[in-house]
Each structure stands twice: as structure tokens, then as C-alpha cells.
Amino acid sequence: MSDIAVWTLFLLVFPGMLFSVALGLCLCWVDRKVTALVQWRKGPPPMQPFWDVVKLLGKEVIAPAQAWLTGFLWLPFVGFAGAVLGAVLVWQALLGLGPQPAGDLIVVLYLLAMPGIAIVLGGSASGNPLAAVGASREMKLMLAYELPFVVALLVAAFQVRTLPDGETTRAATLSLQGIGMLQADHGSVLWRPSGLLAFAVALLCAHAKLGFVPFDVAEADTELAEGALLEYSGAPLAFFKLTNAVQLATLPVLLVLVFWGGPVTTAWGAVWFAAKVLLVVVLFVLIKNTNPRVRIDQALRFFWGPATAAALVALVLAQFGW
């Protein structure tokens, strides 16, 4: 099989678009089901997220008269493409599928920022004042959580390890596959004080990246009626929903791979890794259902204050091998 065919398979089928979308929609059902159980409800059937997207794809696309039409219609697909490419790199590193690009952790961080940027630009392109407020909040939230998120992930990238002979070695790798292999050889980052602290920060930042309560200020249904996505309908709205589903399928895997994992090489390893990812998703859902929405100024203070400080402390601790 040629390289072009292999990469087409990666991007479109596994571990690319079709696989990421299917897994993301399944995890959306887990989110809704656990939420229902927390609220003492029955919850939706397993196929409900799939039918919701199919229904949206069949709806008419209505664009506001005052919208920048090109950006308004194409930005949802740009965000979706970024999320899918990020998912491909994460799964490629996890499964050891082919050579990894240099510094792929940084590439993944850039790609996973694209959905948020698409929401900001799409909401602004709609020309609706409420959507513009939602876009403004999303932009401020991105500026808040991206810094501690990057610092927390760098804790795993620059861990100092103590070898059996007493000497120390620095990981100093931005390769996701390299980070996984180091954990397979020297133990998970999560079981170190620096790793546990960084994981907690990264978990909350990923929670905000997904737009979950208490960090759903950009959507804020009771205030902004869907916020930046207010004017979207039909296929563009469906692709925003699919983008969020792909992120839900990617961010937990990224967190487990960086802090609590290693490459998956056996069937039992795959089952154990899937259980850890499911646990992270359940943590997302529990946080989402046990906290009230915060204001945008409170979110900014939290991420630029305690979250960034905790990530920096974890980075310092990692330099001492803790």
C-alpha cells in the first residue's frame, strides 16, 4: 500500500475522521447517560447522539443577512478538520502507527486550539450581537486556559528521572510516543507529586476547552441562547457538534497518554487504557454536574491565578525528579 493510501486511511477511517466521530458520539452518550443518572433520570438511548447529528445534517442552512457568508459557512469545517488531525496524531502516537512528526505535542496543541478559534471567528462572522458576546467570551476563555494547559503538559515532557544506578536523566521530549515509552520504562508521570498536580490542572483546562459547566460561559444558554453558535443551523451546526464530540474523544486520550499511560501493544493493555479514558470522561461529567457556572472574570482569575501557579509549581517539582 502506498504512503498516500496509508495516510488517506489514517485521516478518513482509522484513527481519523470516522473512528473519532463514532467514538466521540459514543462518549457524548456516556456524558448524557451519567448526567441523567446523577439527576435521577433514565437518560437517552445509545444511538441518540447519532440521530441528533443526522437530523441536523438534514435541516436547512439559514445564514443571517448581515453575516460574512464565506467565513460563517466554512469555519465549522475548519474547526472540525483541526480536531480530526489532532486526533490522528494522538492515536498514531498511542498505537505506534508509523513515524511521529518532530515535536508532535506542540502540533497537537495547535490543532486542538483550532475548534475554539473557529467558534470565535464564526460567532463574530454571524453579525449577531449575542453571538459576538459569546465569541468574545470564548476568546477570553481560550486566552485563560491555554497557558496552564501547555505548562501542565510540559511537566510530562521535561520530567527528570532517577535511573536504577542512582543517576538522573531528563526526558526532554516533545514526542507523544516518546513520552509514552518513557512511562512504560520508568512508571507513569501521574504517580509523582508533580504529575498529579499537573494532571489536575490539565483536566480542568481540558474541561474548559470542551465548554462544559462550570466553564460554559461562551454558550450560557440562559443568558446568550447558545452564544457564539446562536445563528448556526443545519450542517454547519452539526459540524460544530461533531467537532466537540471529536474533542471529547481526543482530550481524555491525550491526558491518559501523557500522564498515565504508555503505548498500547496488547489486548489487555488496550482494555486497561480504555478503562482509564472512560474514568477521565466520567470525571468530566461529575465536575460538570456538581458545579454552577462561573462568570467570565472568575474563570480568567482562576486560570491565570491558581491554575497557572499550580502548573508552574509542578514544572519546578519535575525538575527535581519529584
Protein backbone atom coordinates (compact mmCIF):
# COMPACT_ATOMS: atom_id res chain seq x y z
CA MET A 1 0.00 0.00 0.00
CA SER A 2 1.40 3.42 -0.97
CA ASP A 3 2.08 6.18 1.55
CA ILE A 4 -0.79 8.23 0.12
CA ALA A 5 -3.21 5.35 0.62
CA VAL A 6 -1.98 4.78 4.18
CA TRP A 7 -2.40 8.44 5.13
CA THR A 8 -5.83 8.55 3.46
CA LEU A 9 -6.81 5.56 5.58
CA PHE A 10 -5.40 7.27 8.69
CA LEU A 11 -7.25 10.52 8.04
CA LEU A 12 -10.62 9.24 6.85
CA VAL A 13 -11.15 5.92 8.62
CA PHE A 14 -8.85 4.86 11.47
CA PRO A 15 -7.77 6.57 13.63
CA GLY A 16 -9.09 9.56 11.73
CA MET A 17 -12.48 11.05 10.97
CA LEU A 18 -14.89 8.09 11.05
CA PHE A 19 -13.36 6.45 14.11
CA SER A 20 -13.00 9.72 16.06
CA VAL A 21 -16.56 10.82 15.26
CA ALA A 22 -18.02 7.42 16.20
CA LEU A 23 -16.05 7.26 19.46
CA GLY A 24 -16.87 10.88 20.27
CA LEU A 25 -20.59 10.36 19.79
CA CYS A 26 -20.45 7.24 21.98
CA LEU A 27 -18.73 9.27 24.70
CA CYS A 28 -21.38 12.00 24.26
CA TRP A 29 -23.94 9.33 25.12
CA VAL A 30 -21.85 8.37 28.18
CA ASP A 31 -21.88 12.05 29.17
CA ARG A 32 -25.65 12.30 28.81
CA LYS A 33 -26.29 8.95 30.47
CA VAL A 34 -24.11 9.68 33.52
CA THR A 35 -25.67 13.14 33.75
CA ALA A 36 -29.11 11.53 33.76
CA LEU A 37 -28.09 9.09 36.49
CA VAL A 38 -26.73 11.93 38.63
CA GLN A 39 -30.08 13.71 38.19
CA TRP A 40 -32.11 10.53 38.79
CA ARG A 41 -33.35 10.33 35.20
CA LYS A 42 -33.32 7.46 32.71
CA GLY A 43 -31.33 9.23 30.02
CA PRO A 44 -31.30 8.82 26.21
CA PRO A 45 -30.82 5.57 24.24
CA PRO A 46 -27.27 4.84 23.00
CA MET A 47 -27.98 5.94 19.41
CA GLN A 48 -29.48 9.33 20.34
CA PRO A 49 -26.30 11.43 19.67
CA PHE A 50 -26.02 9.85 16.20
CA TRP A 51 -29.67 10.63 15.36
CA ASP A 52 -29.25 14.21 16.62
CA VAL A 53 -26.40 14.81 14.18
CA VAL A 54 -28.23 13.09 11.29
CA LYS A 55 -31.27 15.29 11.98
CA LEU A 56 -29.14 18.46 11.94
CA LEU A 57 -27.47 17.42 8.68
CA GLY A 58 -30.91 17.25 7.07
CA LYS A 59 -32.02 20.69 8.25
CA GLU A 60 -32.00 23.82 6.13
CA VAL A 61 -28.95 26.09 6.46
CA ILE A 62 -30.07 29.65 7.24
CA ALA A 63 -27.44 32.40 7.15
CA PRO A 64 -28.10 35.89 8.58
CA ALA A 65 -28.30 38.69 6.01
CA GLN A 66 -25.60 40.64 7.84
CA ALA A 67 -23.17 37.69 8.09
CA TRP A 68 -19.78 37.35 6.42
CA LEU A 69 -21.08 34.39 4.45
CA THR A 70 -17.80 32.69 3.48
CA GLY A 71 -16.41 32.61 7.00
CA PHE A 72 -19.78 31.86 8.58
CA LEU A 73 -20.28 28.73 6.46
CA TRP A 74 -16.70 27.41 6.23
CA LEU A 75 -15.33 27.96 9.74
CA PRO A 76 -17.23 24.98 11.26
CA PHE A 77 -15.45 22.69 8.79
CA VAL A 78 -12.05 24.28 9.56
CA GLY A 79 -12.53 23.62 13.28
CA PHE A 80 -13.63 20.06 12.55
CA ALA A 81 -10.56 19.44 10.37
CA GLY A 82 -8.25 20.69 13.13
CA ALA A 83 -9.88 18.42 15.71
CA VAL A 84 -9.64 15.38 13.41
CA LEU A 85 -5.97 15.99 12.58
CA GLY A 86 -5.19 16.38 16.28
CA ALA A 87 -7.00 13.11 16.99
CA VAL A 88 -4.99 11.34 14.26
CA LEU A 89 -1.68 12.40 15.80
CA VAL A 90 -2.74 11.38 19.31
CA TRP A 91 -3.96 7.94 18.25
CA GLN A 92 -0.98 7.46 15.95
CA ALA A 93 1.35 8.02 18.93
CA LEU A 94 -0.71 5.78 21.20
CA LEU A 95 -0.81 2.84 18.78
CA GLY A 96 2.67 3.35 17.33
CA LEU A 97 1.36 3.70 13.78
CA GLY A 98 4.28 4.90 11.70
CA PRO A 99 6.89 7.60 12.39
CA GLN A 100 5.92 10.58 14.54
CA PRO A 101 6.46 14.17 13.35
CA ALA A 102 9.03 16.16 15.33
CA GLY A 103 7.50 17.99 18.30
CA ASP A 104 4.08 16.46 17.73
CA LEU A 105 2.87 17.53 21.21
CA ILE A 106 3.16 21.17 20.10
CA VAL A 107 1.45 20.35 16.79
CA VAL A 108 -1.43 18.67 18.65
CA LEU A 109 -1.82 21.71 20.92
CA TYR A 110 -2.07 23.98 17.87
CA LEU A 111 -4.57 21.70 16.14
CA LEU A 112 -6.77 21.36 19.23
CA ALA A 113 -6.88 25.16 19.52
CA MET A 114 -8.45 25.43 16.05
CA PRO A 115 -12.02 24.49 17.14
CA GLY A 116 -12.05 27.31 19.70
CA ILE A 117 -10.70 29.77 17.13
CA ALA A 118 -13.39 28.62 14.66
CA ILE A 119 -16.10 29.31 17.27
CA VAL A 120 -14.67 32.79 17.94
CA LEU A 121 -14.47 33.71 14.26
CA GLY A 122 -17.75 32.00 13.36
CA GLY A 123 -19.67 33.82 16.09
CA SER A 124 -18.11 37.12 15.02
CA ALA A 125 -18.89 36.42 11.34
CA SER A 126 -22.60 35.92 12.07
CA GLY A 127 -23.15 39.62 12.76
CA ASN A 128 -25.44 38.87 15.72
CA PRO A 129 -24.73 40.92 18.90
CA LEU A 130 -25.40 38.00 21.25
CA ALA A 131 -23.19 35.73 19.15
CA ALA A 132 -20.48 38.39 19.27
CA VAL A 133 -20.67 38.42 23.07
CA GLY A 134 -20.36 34.63 23.07
CA ALA A 135 -17.38 34.83 20.70
CA SER A 136 -15.74 37.44 22.94
CA ARG A 137 -16.17 35.20 25.98
CA GLU A 138 -14.79 32.19 24.10
CA MET A 139 -11.73 34.19 23.08
CA LYS A 140 -11.08 35.32 26.66
CA LEU A 141 -11.57 31.80 27.95
CA MET A 142 -9.07 30.44 25.40
CA LEU A 143 -6.51 33.04 26.46
CA ALA A 144 -7.09 31.94 30.06
CA TYR A 145 -6.84 28.14 29.86
CA GLU A 146 -4.29 27.62 27.09
CA LEU A 147 -1.31 28.83 29.18
CA PRO A 148 -1.80 26.50 32.19
CA PHE A 149 -2.75 23.66 29.81
CA VAL A 150 0.54 23.95 27.91
CA VAL A 151 2.61 24.28 31.10
CA ALA A 152 0.89 21.24 32.64
CA LEU A 153 1.63 19.08 29.59
CA LEU A 154 5.25 20.25 29.59
CA VAL A 155 5.60 18.74 33.07
CA ALA A 156 5.41 15.30 31.45
CA ALA A 157 7.68 16.36 28.60
CA PHE A 158 10.51 17.56 30.88
CA GLN A 159 10.37 15.08 33.77
CA VAL A 160 13.70 14.30 35.45
CA ARG A 161 14.00 10.54 36.05
CA THR A 162 16.23 8.72 38.53
CA LEU A 163 17.83 5.63 36.98
CA PRO A 164 18.46 2.37 38.91
CA ASP A 165 22.17 3.24 39.22
CA GLY A 166 21.28 6.48 41.02
CA GLU A 167 21.97 8.80 38.11
CA THR A 168 19.31 11.15 36.77
CA THR A 169 18.14 11.67 33.22
CA ARG A 170 15.88 14.29 31.73
CA ALA A 171 13.05 13.22 29.41
CA ALA A 172 13.18 16.45 27.34
CA THR A 173 10.99 15.16 24.51
CA LEU A 174 8.02 16.72 22.79
CA SER A 175 7.16 13.43 21.12
CA LEU A 176 3.92 11.88 22.39
CA GLN A 177 5.24 8.45 21.53
CA GLY A 178 8.47 9.24 23.38
CA ILE A 179 6.56 10.37 26.49
CA GLY A 180 4.57 7.14 26.39
CA MET A 181 7.68 4.99 26.04
CA LEU A 182 9.38 6.74 28.96
CA GLN A 183 6.38 5.95 31.15
CA ALA A 184 6.46 2.32 30.02
CA ASP A 185 10.12 2.14 31.14
CA HIS A 186 10.09 4.32 34.27
CA GLY A 187 6.49 4.43 35.52
CA SER A 188 3.59 6.82 34.99
CA VAL A 189 4.04 10.56 35.45
CA LEU A 190 0.74 10.62 37.38
CA TRP A 191 2.24 8.85 40.40
CA ARG A 192 4.69 11.66 41.07
CA PRO A 193 3.65 14.79 43.03
CA SER A 194 4.42 16.97 40.01
CA GLY A 195 2.49 14.68 37.69
CA LEU A 196 -0.58 14.53 39.94
CA LEU A 197 -0.66 18.32 40.27
CA ALA A 198 -0.14 18.84 36.52
CA PHE A 199 -2.81 16.26 35.69
CA ALA A 200 -5.37 18.08 37.87
CA VAL A 201 -4.58 21.38 36.11
CA ALA A 202 -4.70 19.79 32.64
CA LEU A 203 -8.00 18.07 33.48
CA LEU A 204 -9.65 21.40 34.39
CA CYS A 205 -8.19 23.13 31.32
CA ALA A 206 -9.46 20.32 29.06
CA HIS A 207 -12.84 20.65 30.79
CA ALA A 208 -12.92 24.34 29.81
CA LYS A 209 -11.74 23.51 26.28
CA LEU A 210 -14.77 21.24 25.91
CA GLY A 211 -17.07 24.06 27.05
CA PHE A 212 -18.51 22.09 29.96
CA VAL A 213 -20.05 23.61 33.08
CA PRO A 214 -18.73 25.49 35.06
CA PHE A 215 -16.76 26.95 32.13
CA ASP A 216 -19.59 27.19 29.58
CA VAL A 217 -19.71 30.99 29.78
CA ALA A 218 -19.36 31.32 26.00
CA GLU A 219 -22.56 29.32 25.48
CA ALA A 220 -24.57 30.28 28.61
CA ASP A 221 -27.99 29.17 27.33
CA THR A 222 -29.94 31.18 29.91
CA GLU A 223 -28.02 34.36 29.05
CA LEU A 224 -26.93 34.15 25.42
CA ALA A 225 -29.20 31.45 23.92
CA GLU A 226 -26.28 29.27 22.66
CA GLY A 227 -23.82 32.16 22.48
CA ALA A 228 -21.44 32.15 19.52
CA LEU A 229 -23.44 29.39 17.80
CA LEU A 230 -26.75 31.26 18.06
CA GLU A 231 -27.19 31.83 14.30
CA TYR A 232 -25.98 28.40 13.18
CA SER A 233 -28.31 25.71 11.85
CA GLY A 234 -28.22 22.64 9.64
CA ALA A 235 -24.90 21.13 8.56
CA PRO A 236 -22.62 23.91 9.96
CA LEU A 237 -24.14 23.46 13.41
CA ALA A 238 -23.87 19.69 13.04
CA PHE A 239 -20.15 20.03 12.32
CA PHE A 240 -19.66 22.19 15.41
CA LYS A 241 -21.35 19.41 17.43
CA LEU A 242 -19.18 16.78 15.72
CA THR A 243 -16.08 18.86 16.48
CA ASN A 244 -16.96 18.87 20.16
CA ALA A 245 -17.53 15.11 20.01
CA VAL A 246 -14.10 14.56 18.39
CA GLN A 247 -12.51 16.70 21.12
CA LEU A 248 -14.30 14.61 23.76
CA ALA A 249 -12.76 11.53 22.14
CA THR A 250 -9.28 13.10 21.92
CA LEU A 251 -8.62 15.12 25.08
CA PRO A 252 -9.13 12.23 27.57
CA VAL A 253 -6.88 10.03 25.44
CA LEU A 254 -4.24 12.77 25.33
CA LEU A 255 -4.36 13.21 29.12
CA VAL A 256 -4.08 9.48 29.78
CA LEU A 257 -1.27 9.07 27.23
CA VAL A 258 0.77 11.97 28.65
CA PHE A 259 0.23 11.37 32.38
CA TRP A 260 -0.99 7.81 32.92
CA GLY A 261 -0.07 5.67 30.00
CA GLY A 262 2.28 4.19 27.52
CA PRO A 263 1.93 2.69 24.06
CA VAL A 264 -0.84 0.11 23.68
CA THR A 265 0.75 -3.13 22.49
CA THR A 266 -1.52 -5.89 23.88
CA ALA A 267 -5.24 -6.60 24.09
CA TRP A 268 -5.18 -6.30 27.88
CA GLY A 269 -3.28 -3.03 27.58
CA ALA A 270 -5.98 -1.70 25.25
CA VAL A 271 -8.75 -2.68 27.71
CA TRP A 272 -6.89 -1.07 30.63
CA PHE A 273 -6.22 2.10 28.61
CA ALA A 274 -9.90 2.29 27.58
CA ALA A 275 -10.93 1.98 31.25
CA LYS A 276 -8.66 4.89 32.19
CA VAL A 277 -10.05 7.04 29.37
CA LEU A 278 -13.60 6.23 30.48
CA LEU A 279 -12.69 7.21 34.04
CA VAL A 280 -11.44 10.60 32.82
CA VAL A 281 -14.69 11.11 30.87
CA VAL A 282 -16.72 10.27 33.99
CA LEU A 283 -14.63 12.81 35.95
CA PHE A 284 -15.54 15.42 33.32
CA VAL A 285 -19.22 14.59 33.71
CA LEU A 286 -19.15 14.63 37.51
CA ILE A 287 -17.40 18.02 37.56
CA LYS A 288 -19.93 19.27 35.04
CA ASN A 289 -22.91 18.19 37.17
CA THR A 290 -21.70 19.30 40.58
CA ASN A 291 -20.60 22.89 39.93
CA PRO A 292 -22.51 26.07 39.00
CA ARG A 293 -21.43 28.20 36.05
CA VAL A 294 -18.74 30.76 36.85
CA ARG A 295 -18.60 34.27 35.43
CA ILE A 296 -16.03 35.04 32.75
CA ASP A 297 -13.99 37.19 35.16
CA GLN A 298 -13.97 34.36 37.70
CA ALA A 299 -12.79 31.90 35.06
CA LEU A 300 -9.98 34.27 34.00
CA ARG A 301 -8.85 34.77 37.59
CA PHE A 302 -8.90 31.03 38.23
CA PHE A 303 -6.86 30.01 35.16
CA TRP A 304 -4.38 32.90 35.30
CA GLY A 305 -4.07 32.60 39.08
CA PRO A 306 -4.26 29.26 40.93
CA ALA A 307 -4.22 27.05 37.82
CA THR A 308 -1.14 28.66 36.24
CA ALA A 309 0.63 28.84 39.61
CA ALA A 310 -0.05 25.14 40.27
CA ALA A 311 1.22 24.21 36.78
CA LEU A 312 4.42 26.20 37.32
CA VAL A 313 4.96 24.59 40.74
CA ALA A 314 4.52 21.17 39.11
CA LEU A 315 7.07 22.11 36.43
CA VAL A 316 9.59 23.11 39.13
CA LEU A 317 8.96 19.91 41.08
CA ALA A 318 9.52 17.89 37.90
CA GLN A 319 12.98 19.41 37.54
CA PHE A 320 13.91 17.95 40.93
CA GLY A 321 12.60 14.49 39.95
CA TRP A 322 9.51 14.70 42.16
